[in-house]
Amino acid sequence: MPPVVRIEHLTKHYFLESVTVRALCDVSLTVEQGEFVALMGPSGSGKSTLLNLLGCLDRPTDGTYILGDDDISHMDDDRLSEVRSRYLGFIFQSYNLLPQYTVVENIEVPLLYQGCRITEKTRQRCIQLAELVGLGERLDHRPMQLSGGQQQRVAIARALVNDPHVILADEPTGNLDSRTSEEIMQMLIRLNEAGKTIIMVTHENDIAAWAKRVIRMRDGQIETDDRNTEPRIVQDVSSAFVSALNSLLSEAIQ
């Protein structure tokens, strides 16, 4: 099976008046299906730029980015938007939920971007995802009625609804206390055990310790790329959860 992500000699420069900012410099990387990768590094190291490129939120100055079978390095805005909505799931530090929408309606948002018609079938898919992440009793709540951890669970369900090739998580525990951070990381581990590929940016070593692979960046380049021989584990990853998620996502959305 080919890698789900392959980047070759990726470079990103920003041009600010007479100054050229070299955010990424000749970065090459592959991520296999089912990996859980943590991107780390100090501010200005290039990790956020790399995540933006992986998320089709920006284009490289040079180099190649293959997502699945598609070379998306030079796609136009419309095609990038389509790839983003169909093949990628996003989890943000600040959740990025729509305040006027309920839990279920927020989970539906990526389907709307795809141009899907919201039907009873799609609504049930979103309800089941909410239940899988522990929000079965909060379906009609709006973000301001939820705790930070609950809002992030909504974001996780939203990231799953289109059955993405890759989930991109940008500091997913950055606004959470340590206990809630652990709950969210346990949820991500369950998703990874179900076969989801996760690429996560974090500043925190204890959060990176959950990942199977840790890439450290500095000055726009990969400094180290190490396998985590003893990642933190979740003791109660049930086969029922894995089966329920995979069964739910196996149905194509029209």
Protein backbone atom coordinates (compact mmCIF):
# COMPACT_ATOMS: atom_id res chain seq x y z
CA MET A 1 0.00 0.00 0.00
CA PRO A 2 1.44 3.43 -0.96
CA PRO A 3 1.97 6.07 1.74
CA VAL A 4 -1.08 8.18 2.52
CA VAL A 5 1.16 11.29 2.52
CA ARG A 6 4.37 11.80 0.56
CA ILE A 7 6.18 15.10 0.32
CA GLU A 8 9.40 15.57 -1.60
CA HIS A 9 11.73 18.57 -1.36
CA LEU A 10 8.92 20.78 -0.09
CA THR A 11 9.86 24.44 0.21
CA LYS A 12 7.78 27.39 1.35
CA HIS A 13 8.92 31.02 1.18
CA TYR A 14 6.94 34.06 2.25
CA PHE A 15 7.80 37.37 0.64
CA LEU A 16 7.32 40.38 2.93
CA GLU A 17 8.31 43.55 1.10
CA SER A 18 12.08 43.14 0.62
CA VAL A 19 12.40 40.24 3.06
CA THR A 20 12.14 36.55 2.16
CA VAL A 21 11.08 34.29 5.03
CA ARG A 22 12.19 30.72 4.42
CA ALA A 23 9.55 28.86 6.42
CA LEU A 24 10.27 25.40 4.98
CA CYS A 25 13.49 24.31 3.32
CA ASP A 26 13.65 21.15 1.19
CA VAL A 27 11.55 18.93 3.48
CA SER A 28 10.89 15.31 2.46
CA LEU A 29 8.62 13.01 4.44
CA THR A 30 6.31 10.02 4.08
CA VAL A 31 3.46 9.02 6.38
CA GLU A 32 1.99 5.53 6.11
CA GLN A 33 -1.66 4.64 6.52
CA GLY A 34 -2.52 4.29 10.22
CA GLU A 35 0.43 6.21 11.63
CA PHE A 36 0.14 8.67 14.51
CA VAL A 37 2.75 11.41 14.02
CA ALA A 38 3.57 14.31 16.35
CA LEU A 39 5.22 17.42 14.85
CA MET A 40 7.25 19.40 17.38
CA GLY A 41 9.59 22.35 17.38
CA PRO A 42 10.01 25.90 18.70
CA SER A 43 8.11 28.85 17.27
CA GLY A 44 9.36 29.55 13.77
CA SER A 45 10.53 25.98 13.23
CA GLY A 46 8.14 25.40 10.32
CA LYS A 47 5.78 22.88 11.90
CA SER A 48 2.67 25.05 11.50
CA THR A 49 3.64 25.92 7.92
CA LEU A 50 4.02 22.21 7.19
CA LEU A 51 0.62 21.45 8.73
CA ASN A 52 -0.98 24.21 6.63
CA LEU A 53 0.51 22.74 3.46
CA LEU A 54 -0.60 19.24 4.41
CA GLY A 55 -4.08 20.65 5.05
CA CYS A 56 -4.25 22.30 1.62
CA LEU A 57 -4.58 25.67 3.33
CA ASP A 58 -1.53 26.97 1.47
CA ARG A 59 0.61 26.04 -1.54
CA PRO A 60 4.32 25.22 -1.53
CA THR A 61 6.80 27.45 -3.28
CA ASP A 62 8.49 24.34 -4.63
CA GLY A 63 8.40 20.58 -4.21
CA THR A 64 5.78 17.84 -4.41
CA TYR A 65 2.91 16.84 -2.13
CA ILE A 66 1.09 13.56 -2.86
CA LEU A 67 -2.05 12.86 -0.81
CA GLY A 68 -3.22 9.31 -1.44
CA ASP A 69 -2.96 9.00 -5.22
CA ASP A 70 -3.26 12.70 -6.01
CA ASP A 71 -0.50 15.23 -6.63
CA ILE A 72 -1.95 18.36 -5.12
CA SER A 73 1.16 20.56 -5.22
CA HIS A 74 -0.14 22.86 -7.94
CA MET A 75 -3.92 22.53 -7.74
CA ASP A 76 -6.02 25.66 -8.08
CA ASP A 77 -8.12 27.01 -5.21
CA ASP A 78 -11.31 25.18 -6.19
CA ARG A 79 -9.58 21.81 -6.42
CA LEU A 80 -7.73 22.38 -3.15
CA SER A 81 -11.02 23.20 -1.46
CA GLU A 82 -12.51 19.97 -2.79
CA VAL A 83 -9.56 17.90 -1.54
CA ARG A 84 -9.74 19.62 1.84
CA SER A 85 -13.43 18.87 2.31
CA ARG A 86 -13.33 15.29 1.05
CA TYR A 87 -10.05 13.84 2.23
CA LEU A 88 -8.94 15.75 5.32
CA GLY A 89 -10.31 16.18 8.83
CA PHE A 90 -9.26 19.09 11.05
CA ILE A 91 -9.06 19.48 14.82
CA PHE A 92 -8.04 22.92 16.11
CA GLN A 93 -6.82 24.25 19.44
CA SER A 94 -9.74 26.70 19.61
CA TYR A 95 -12.29 24.11 18.35
CA ASN A 96 -13.63 26.44 15.59
CA LEU A 97 -17.25 25.47 16.18
CA LEU A 98 -20.09 27.61 14.84
CA PRO A 99 -21.74 29.13 17.93
CA GLN A 100 -25.26 29.25 16.46
CA TYR A 101 -25.19 25.54 15.53
CA THR A 102 -26.02 22.56 17.72
CA VAL A 103 -23.62 19.65 18.29
CA VAL A 104 -25.16 17.67 15.43
CA GLU A 105 -25.26 20.67 13.09
CA ASN A 106 -21.58 21.41 13.73
CA ILE A 107 -20.69 17.81 12.88
CA GLU A 108 -22.62 18.19 9.61
CA VAL A 109 -20.59 21.21 8.43
CA PRO A 110 -17.99 19.29 6.33
CA LEU A 111 -20.84 17.57 4.49
CA LEU A 112 -22.28 20.96 3.56
CA TYR A 113 -18.88 22.00 2.18
CA GLN A 114 -18.94 18.88 0.01
CA GLY A 115 -22.31 19.90 -1.37
CA CYS A 116 -24.08 16.95 0.26
CA ARG A 117 -27.80 17.20 0.87
CA ILE A 118 -28.59 16.78 4.56
CA THR A 119 -30.99 13.88 4.83
CA GLU A 120 -32.22 11.63 7.60
CA LYS A 121 -29.37 9.25 6.71
CA THR A 122 -26.66 11.90 7.02
CA ARG A 123 -28.27 13.23 10.20
CA GLN A 124 -28.17 9.75 11.74
CA ARG A 125 -24.50 9.42 10.82
CA CYS A 126 -23.76 12.65 12.70
CA ILE A 127 -25.83 11.58 15.69
CA GLN A 128 -24.00 8.26 15.87
CA LEU A 129 -20.63 10.01 15.69
CA ALA A 130 -21.70 12.30 18.54
CA GLU A 131 -22.66 9.23 20.55
CA LEU A 132 -19.33 7.53 19.80
CA VAL A 133 -17.40 10.48 21.25
CA GLY A 134 -19.60 10.57 24.35
CA LEU A 135 -22.02 13.36 23.47
CA GLY A 136 -25.22 11.38 23.05
CA GLU A 137 -26.95 13.49 25.70
CA ARG A 138 -25.75 16.82 24.26
CA LEU A 139 -27.03 16.60 20.69
CA ASP A 140 -29.05 19.82 20.80
CA HIS A 141 -26.56 21.81 22.88
CA ARG A 142 -24.66 24.73 21.38
CA PRO A 143 -20.93 25.32 21.94
CA MET A 144 -21.42 27.86 24.75
CA GLN A 145 -23.34 25.19 26.68
CA LEU A 146 -20.42 22.75 26.51
CA SER A 147 -17.13 22.44 28.37
CA GLY A 148 -13.84 22.77 26.50
CA GLY A 149 -13.41 19.02 26.43
CA GLN A 150 -16.91 18.50 25.10
CA GLN A 151 -16.34 21.11 22.39
CA GLN A 152 -13.19 19.31 21.32
CA ARG A 153 -15.14 16.04 21.14
CA VAL A 154 -17.56 17.77 18.76
CA ALA A 155 -14.55 18.83 16.69
CA ILE A 156 -13.27 15.24 16.64
CA ALA A 157 -16.64 13.95 15.44
CA ARG A 158 -16.74 16.72 12.81
CA ALA A 159 -13.26 15.68 11.62
CA LEU A 160 -14.47 12.11 11.14
CA VAL A 161 -17.75 12.70 9.34
CA ASN A 162 -16.28 12.60 5.81
CA ASP A 163 -14.11 9.52 6.61
CA PRO A 164 -10.89 11.44 5.84
CA HIS A 165 -7.60 10.01 4.60
CA VAL A 166 -5.79 12.02 7.30
CA ILE A 167 -6.79 13.83 10.49
CA LEU A 168 -4.73 16.98 11.10
CA ALA A 169 -4.71 18.15 14.71
CA ASP A 170 -3.23 21.56 15.55
CA GLU A 171 -2.49 21.73 19.30
CA PRO A 172 -5.69 19.78 20.07
CA THR A 173 -5.13 19.98 23.85
CA GLY A 174 -3.70 23.51 23.95
CA ASN A 175 -6.78 25.05 25.64
CA LEU A 176 -7.51 22.14 27.98
CA ASP A 177 -6.49 21.21 31.51
CA SER A 178 -4.33 18.13 32.06
CA ARG A 179 -7.18 15.74 32.93
CA THR A 180 -9.27 16.77 29.91
CA SER A 181 -6.16 16.69 27.70
CA GLU A 182 -5.66 13.07 28.65
CA GLU A 183 -9.28 12.27 27.79
CA ILE A 184 -8.90 13.85 24.35
CA MET A 185 -5.63 12.02 23.70
CA GLN A 186 -7.26 8.74 24.69
CA MET A 187 -9.97 9.47 22.15
CA LEU A 188 -7.36 10.12 19.44
CA ILE A 189 -5.61 6.87 20.31
CA ARG A 190 -8.91 5.00 19.89
CA LEU A 191 -9.32 6.58 16.46
CA ASN A 192 -5.78 5.60 15.53
CA GLU A 193 -6.42 2.04 16.70
CA ALA A 194 -9.42 2.06 14.36
CA GLY A 195 -7.00 2.78 11.50
CA LYS A 196 -7.14 6.57 11.26
CA THR A 197 -3.94 8.38 10.24
CA ILE A 198 -3.25 11.34 12.55
CA ILE A 199 -0.70 14.13 12.18
CA MET A 200 -0.62 16.38 15.25
CA VAL A 201 1.26 19.57 16.08
CA THR A 202 2.10 20.01 19.74
CA HIS A 203 4.54 21.91 21.95
CA GLU A 204 4.13 19.50 24.84
CA ASN A 205 6.36 16.46 25.35
CA ASP A 206 3.74 14.65 27.43
CA ILE A 207 1.23 15.00 24.57
CA ALA A 208 3.78 13.90 21.94
CA ALA A 209 4.40 10.83 24.11
CA TRP A 210 1.06 9.43 22.89
CA ALA A 211 2.24 9.40 19.25
CA LYS A 212 3.97 6.48 17.58
CA ARG A 213 6.39 8.78 15.77
CA VAL A 214 7.83 12.15 16.76
CA ILE A 215 9.27 14.57 14.19
CA ARG A 216 11.15 17.58 15.54
CA MET A 217 11.66 20.60 13.32
CA ARG A 218 14.04 23.54 13.49
CA ASP A 219 14.70 26.40 11.06
CA GLY A 220 12.31 25.02 8.45
CA GLN A 221 13.89 21.57 8.33
CA ILE A 222 13.38 18.19 9.96
CA GLU A 223 15.91 17.89 12.77
CA THR A 224 14.97 14.40 14.00
CA ASP A 225 12.43 11.76 13.00
CA ASP A 226 12.12 9.03 15.62
CA ARG A 227 9.85 6.10 16.32
CA ASN A 228 8.39 6.19 19.81
CA THR A 229 9.23 2.73 21.11
CA GLU A 230 6.95 3.09 24.13
CA PRO A 231 4.00 5.35 23.24
CA ARG A 232 1.40 5.89 25.92
CA ILE A 233 -1.47 3.50 25.47
CA VAL A 234 -5.15 3.27 26.30
CA GLN A 235 -6.03 0.12 28.19
CA ASP A 236 -9.68 0.01 27.17
CA VAL A 237 -9.66 0.36 23.38
CA SER A 238 -12.64 -1.88 22.83
CA SER A 239 -13.19 -3.86 19.67
CA ALA A 240 -16.81 -2.66 19.85
CA PHE A 241 -15.70 0.99 19.46
CA VAL A 242 -13.40 0.15 16.55
CA SER A 243 -16.08 -1.94 14.84
CA ALA A 244 -18.78 0.68 15.38
CA LEU A 245 -16.63 3.48 13.95
CA ASN A 246 -15.48 1.51 10.92
CA SER A 247 -19.00 0.28 10.22
CA LEU A 248 -20.36 3.81 10.48
CA LEU A 249 -17.76 5.30 8.15
CA SER A 250 -17.91 2.46 5.63
CA GLU A 251 -21.16 3.81 4.17
CA ALA A 252 -20.45 6.32 1.42
CA ILE A 253 -22.18 9.68 1.61
CA GLN A 254 -23.86 10.86 -1.56
